[in-house]
Protein backbone atom coordinates (compact mmCIF):
# COMPACT_ATOMS: atom_id res chain seq x y z
CA MET A 1 27.01 137.81 237.53
CA LYS A 2 28.74 134.79 235.16
CA TYR A 3 27.01 135.19 232.06
CA ALA A 4 27.48 131.93 229.77
CA LYS A 5 30.43 133.75 227.24
CA ASP A 6 32.48 132.87 230.27
CA TYR A 7 32.15 129.48 230.67
CA LYS A 8 31.23 127.83 227.03
CA ASN A 9 33.57 125.68 226.14
CA THR A 10 34.63 124.69 222.23
CA PRO A 11 32.00 122.62 220.47
CA ARG A 12 32.79 119.31 219.51
CA THR A 13 31.08 118.18 216.21
CA ILE A 14 29.90 115.93 213.69
CA LYS A 15 29.28 116.33 209.63
CA HIS A 16 25.72 115.85 209.47
CA ASP A 17 26.10 113.53 206.47
CA SER A 18 28.09 110.97 209.24
CA ASN A 19 26.75 107.79 210.45
CA LEU A 20 25.41 105.99 214.00
CA ALA A 21 28.68 104.11 213.92
CA ASP A 22 30.96 107.73 213.66
CA VAL A 23 29.30 109.18 216.24
CA LEU A 24 29.03 106.39 218.59
CA LYS A 25 32.83 106.23 218.75
CA LYS A 26 33.22 110.16 218.56
CA ILE A 27 30.91 109.48 222.07
CA ILE A 28 33.08 106.99 223.39
CA ASP A 29 36.37 108.46 222.17
CA GLU A 30 36.29 111.93 223.45
CA LYS A 31 33.56 110.83 226.11
CA LYS A 32 31.63 113.70 225.51
CA SER A 33 27.75 113.12 226.29
CA ARG A 34 26.91 115.27 223.03
CA ILE A 35 28.42 116.76 220.71
CA LEU A 36 27.21 119.04 218.20
CA VAL A 37 25.98 118.66 214.22
CA THR A 38 27.29 120.34 211.18
CA GLU A 39 25.77 120.75 207.99
CA ASN A 40 27.60 122.93 204.81
CA ASN A 41 30.50 124.11 208.18
CA LYS A 42 27.32 125.74 210.63
CA ILE A 43 25.82 124.06 213.46
CA THR A 44 22.05 123.23 213.30
CA GLY A 45 21.47 119.56 215.11
CA ILE A 46 22.47 118.74 218.73
CA VAL A 47 23.10 114.18 219.46
CA SER A 48 22.88 113.32 222.95
CA GLU A 49 23.93 110.03 224.17
CA LYS A 50 20.84 109.45 225.78
CA ASP A 51 18.66 110.07 222.66
CA LEU A 52 21.63 107.24 220.70
CA GLY A 53 21.26 105.12 223.18
CA LEU A 54 17.36 104.73 223.25
CA PHE A 55 17.68 104.45 219.75
CA LEU A 56 20.35 101.79 219.52
CA LEU A 57 18.49 99.87 221.70
CA THR A 58 14.81 99.74 220.11
CA ASP A 59 15.33 99.92 215.98
CA GLU A 60 14.60 96.62 214.91
CA THR A 61 16.17 97.49 211.36
CA GLU A 62 18.60 94.99 209.96
CA GLN A 63 20.90 97.43 209.39
CA LYS A 64 24.94 97.57 210.20
CA LEU A 65 25.10 100.99 212.15
CA ASP A 66 27.22 102.48 209.54
CA GLU A 67 24.15 102.00 207.71
CA ILE A 68 22.15 104.63 209.33
CA PRO A 69 22.54 108.02 208.91
CA LEU A 70 23.08 110.04 212.02
CA SER A 71 20.13 112.53 210.98
CA LYS A 72 17.70 109.26 211.90
CA ILE A 73 19.05 110.78 215.59
CA VAL A 74 19.80 114.62 215.76
CA LYS A 75 17.74 117.08 217.70
CA LYS A 76 17.30 120.84 216.69
CA ILE A 77 19.85 123.26 218.90
CA ILE A 78 18.52 125.68 221.56
CA SER A 79 20.48 128.35 221.71
CA VAL A 80 21.44 131.67 224.36
CA ASP A 81 22.99 134.64 223.46
CA GLU A 82 26.46 134.69 224.89
CA ASN A 83 25.76 137.71 227.31
CA THR A 84 22.40 135.26 229.74
CA SER A 85 23.47 134.61 233.26
CA LEU A 86 23.92 131.32 234.36
CA ASP A 87 21.33 130.91 236.95
CA GLU A 88 18.94 132.57 233.68
CA CYS A 89 20.95 129.37 231.46
CA ALA A 90 20.29 126.56 234.22
CA GLU A 91 16.17 128.61 234.83
CA ILE A 92 16.06 127.60 230.34
CA MET A 93 17.81 123.94 230.73
CA LEU A 94 15.24 123.56 233.87
CA LYS A 95 12.33 124.06 231.74
CA LYS A 96 13.30 122.94 228.34
CA ALA A 97 14.27 119.87 230.13
CA ILE A 98 17.86 119.93 228.04
CA GLY A 99 21.64 119.46 229.31
CA SER A 100 23.31 121.91 227.00
CA LEU A 101 22.57 124.83 225.40
CA VAL A 102 23.88 126.92 222.22
CA VAL A 103 25.63 130.01 222.96
CA LYS A 104 25.69 132.29 220.34
CA SER A 105 27.13 136.34 219.51
CA ASN A 106 25.65 138.87 217.49
CA ASP A 107 23.90 135.22 216.16
CA GLU A 108 26.83 133.01 215.01
CA VAL A 109 27.35 130.32 217.53
CA VAL A 110 30.23 130.62 219.73
CA GLY A 111 30.22 127.90 221.78
CA ILE A 112 28.32 125.36 223.92
CA LEU A 113 27.31 125.23 227.39
CA THR A 114 26.43 122.25 229.63
CA LYS A 115 24.72 121.57 232.59
CA THR A 116 28.76 120.14 233.44
CA ASP A 117 29.66 123.77 233.27
CA LEU A 118 26.90 124.64 235.52
CA VAL A 119 27.71 122.63 238.28
CA ARG A 120 31.41 124.31 237.33
CA TYR A 121 30.27 127.50 238.16
CA PHE A 122 27.46 125.94 241.24
CA THR A 123 30.45 124.50 243.12
CA LYS A 124 32.76 127.74 242.89
CA THR A 125 29.69 129.99 243.42
CA HIS A 126 28.20 128.19 245.90
CA ALA A 127 29.84 126.18 248.56
CA GLY A 128 28.75 125.28 251.82
CA GLU A 129 24.77 126.76 251.17
CA LYS A 130 22.95 123.78 250.51
CA ILE A 131 22.96 119.62 251.42
CA VAL A 132 22.56 117.15 249.21
CA GLY A 133 19.52 115.27 251.21
CA GLU A 134 17.74 118.95 249.53
CA TYR A 135 17.78 118.74 245.67
CA MET A 136 18.15 114.90 245.24
CA SER A 137 15.92 112.57 243.51
CA PRO A 138 14.62 110.08 245.89
CA TYR A 139 13.36 107.40 243.10
CA TYR A 140 16.76 105.71 240.90
CA ALA A 141 15.84 102.67 239.38
CA TRP A 142 17.21 99.30 240.10
CA GLN A 143 17.67 95.81 240.24
CA TYR A 144 19.57 92.67 241.24
CA LEU A 145 23.10 92.37 240.04
CA ASP A 146 21.75 88.81 238.58
CA THR A 147 19.00 90.22 236.49
CA PRO A 148 19.10 89.31 232.97
CA LEU A 149 20.51 92.23 230.85
CA TYR A 150 17.66 92.50 229.03
CA LYS A 151 14.82 93.44 231.13
CA VAL A 152 17.24 95.95 232.69
CA VAL A 153 17.48 97.36 229.66
CA THR A 154 14.04 97.43 228.84
CA LYS A 155 13.36 98.84 232.35
CA MET A 156 16.03 102.05 230.78
CA ILE A 157 13.95 102.39 227.71
CA ASP A 158 10.59 102.30 229.16
CA GLU A 159 11.64 104.36 231.82
CA LYS A 160 13.66 107.10 229.65
CA ILE A 161 16.56 106.77 232.17
CA SER A 162 20.17 106.39 231.11
CA ARG A 163 20.97 104.44 234.54
CA VAL A 164 20.51 101.01 236.39
CA ILE A 165 21.57 101.14 239.94
CA LEU A 166 22.26 96.88 240.94
CA ARG A 167 22.49 95.43 244.24
CA ASP A 168 22.75 92.25 245.93
CA HIS A 169 20.02 90.10 247.62
CA ASP A 170 21.57 91.43 251.40
CA GLU A 171 19.46 95.06 249.37
CA MET A 172 23.23 96.31 249.14
CA PRO A 173 24.27 98.43 246.31
CA VAL A 174 27.42 96.46 243.95
CA GLY A 175 27.13 98.05 240.46
CA ILE A 176 25.32 100.05 238.07
CA VAL A 177 24.76 99.42 234.40
CA THR A 178 25.04 102.58 231.95
CA PHE A 179 24.00 103.53 228.68
CA ARG A 180 28.21 103.90 227.97
CA ASP A 181 28.43 100.39 229.55
CA LEU A 182 26.34 99.57 226.40
CA PHE A 183 27.72 101.41 223.29
CA GLU A 184 31.02 99.89 223.02
CA LEU A 185 29.09 96.28 222.79
CA ALA A 186 27.17 98.67 220.49
CA LEU A 187 29.62 99.16 218.59
CA LYS A 188 30.63 95.44 218.15
CA GLN A 189 27.21 94.02 217.51
CA GLY A 190 26.06 96.93 214.99
CA LYS A 191 29.16 95.33 212.51
CA TYR A 192 27.90 91.87 212.57
CA GLU A 193 25.06 89.34 212.49
CA ASP A 194 26.21 86.20 213.95
CA VAL A 195 25.85 85.13 217.81
CA LEU A 196 29.76 84.23 219.33
CA ASP A 197 29.65 82.04 221.52
CA ASN A 198 30.10 84.56 225.70
CA THR A 199 30.95 81.10 228.17
CA ASP A 200 34.79 82.89 227.51
CA PRO A 201 35.23 85.87 228.59
CA VAL A 202 38.17 85.96 226.02
CA ILE A 203 36.09 85.92 223.18
CA SER A 204 34.65 89.09 222.27
CA VAL A 205 30.32 88.78 222.30
CA ILE A 206 29.16 90.47 218.77
CA PHE A 207 25.41 90.16 218.69
CA PRO A 208 22.39 91.52 216.67
CA ARG A 209 21.46 95.03 218.36
CA LYS A 210 17.65 93.38 219.38
CA GLY A 211 19.38 90.86 221.09
CA PHE A 212 19.50 93.58 223.95
CA ILE A 213 16.53 93.44 225.02
CA SER A 214 15.82 89.82 223.35
CA GLU A 215 14.57 86.69 226.25
CA SER A 216 16.01 84.14 223.60
CA GLY A 217 18.95 85.44 222.99
CA PHE A 218 21.56 87.70 224.35
CA GLY A 219 19.83 89.59 226.39
CA GLY A 220 18.56 86.32 228.33
CA SER A 221 21.86 84.63 228.69
CA VAL A 222 23.99 87.60 230.30
CA LYS A 223 23.21 88.45 233.74
CA ALA A 224 23.26 92.44 234.45
CA SER A 225 26.57 91.55 236.44
CA ASP A 226 28.23 90.61 233.25
CA VAL A 227 28.62 94.40 231.69
CA MET A 228 27.94 96.74 235.03
CA SER A 229 30.94 98.85 236.38
CA LYS A 230 31.45 98.23 239.83
CA ASN A 231 32.72 101.29 241.31
CA ILE A 232 29.42 102.56 242.35
CA VAL A 233 30.07 106.42 243.67
CA SER A 234 27.88 108.44 246.24
CA VAL A 235 27.85 110.78 248.96
CA ASP A 236 26.39 111.33 252.02
CA TYR A 237 22.92 112.87 252.23
CA ASP A 238 23.35 115.53 254.70
CA GLU A 239 26.91 116.50 251.75
CA ASP A 240 27.31 119.30 251.06
CA LEU A 241 25.18 120.47 247.53
CA ALA A 242 28.44 121.71 246.04
CA LYS A 243 30.82 118.87 247.20
CA ALA A 244 28.62 116.68 245.29
CA GLY A 245 29.62 118.50 242.54
CA THR A 246 33.16 118.58 242.70
CA ILE A 247 33.29 115.08 243.14
CA LEU A 248 30.65 114.16 239.97
CA LEU A 249 33.73 116.55 237.73
CA GLU A 250 36.14 114.94 239.60
CA LYS A 251 34.85 111.41 238.31
CA ASN A 252 33.16 112.82 235.04
CA ILE A 253 29.94 110.91 235.76
CA ASN A 254 26.01 112.73 235.99
CA GLY A 255 25.19 111.12 238.93
CA ALA A 256 26.19 109.71 242.28
CA GLY A 257 24.10 107.46 245.13
CA VAL A 258 23.65 109.18 248.20
CA LEU A 259 23.82 107.47 251.01
CA SER A 260 21.72 107.26 254.35
CA GLY A 261 23.17 107.24 257.66
CA HIS A 262 23.14 102.82 257.23
CA GLY A 263 25.09 103.05 254.18
CA SER A 264 22.11 102.15 251.95
CA ILE A 265 21.08 104.50 249.01
CA ILE A 266 18.28 107.15 249.31
CA GLY A 267 18.21 108.46 245.87
CA ILE A 268 20.21 110.47 243.36
CA ILE A 269 22.08 113.38 243.37
CA SER A 270 22.81 114.22 239.30
CA LYS A 271 24.39 117.27 237.87
CA SER A 272 20.84 117.98 236.70
CA ASP A 273 19.44 118.45 240.48
CA ILE A 274 22.41 120.72 240.74
CA VAL A 275 21.40 122.64 237.81
CA LYS A 276 17.57 123.18 239.90
CA ALA A 277 19.30 123.92 242.67
CA MET A 278 20.76 127.27 240.53
CA ALA A 279 17.36 128.16 239.14
CA PHE A 280 16.11 127.44 242.59
CA LEU A 281 19.09 130.08 243.93
CA LYS A 282 19.08 132.75 241.67
């Protein structure tokens, strides 16, 4: 049996008195989906990519990103002892609907355990036991690739999801829009208030944050295809779940499309789904 101490990682941290521009840059540069927050050299909170994205796209203030304190989106940490089994950690994440646990020893923080760590453990210990179709999420959010960006972003906000699959009008998947795809734009647009002509792709597009969800602004003039990631990672319905987990790890992504025998996407398999499998297999 493996324990939290066996798969924990050294956490990336940021000071509590930082601002949203600081944490956004850190998430992008370090390709991390969550950062722990410190006060007086003690870890006291956590900020996630998803929470940051939802805030950035719904905040209606005129403040620039470097004027908004990190404290606006910090959440409390949930911790486990380092000798907690990984199966139990999976149950806690599932029950609390969270993606990470702070690991403590003698009440001192010694690391962080994430969904990614649990997926890594699952791929090594449960190969050949389950297939993707047993644990995939059959529902996934989608839009057509020529949909105005504001409709895609509004869907992400309303459903509190971090990704939307894009289809062409032959119903074939062609791309995906995630919060991470929007973050670099948010970095630029948080510093300025002017809107530049975006007809020339060489010109940097700079606009107010609310432009993302504005039918008359940037969000209405730009199509989802203009900001999407074109390569959708996918796996087959009857693929080994552990192998699917390996693909997610290798591609450094949180979810992949699940394909039917006809090549159409019929669901999503995510790291959360694999954590669910771990909890059920206990």
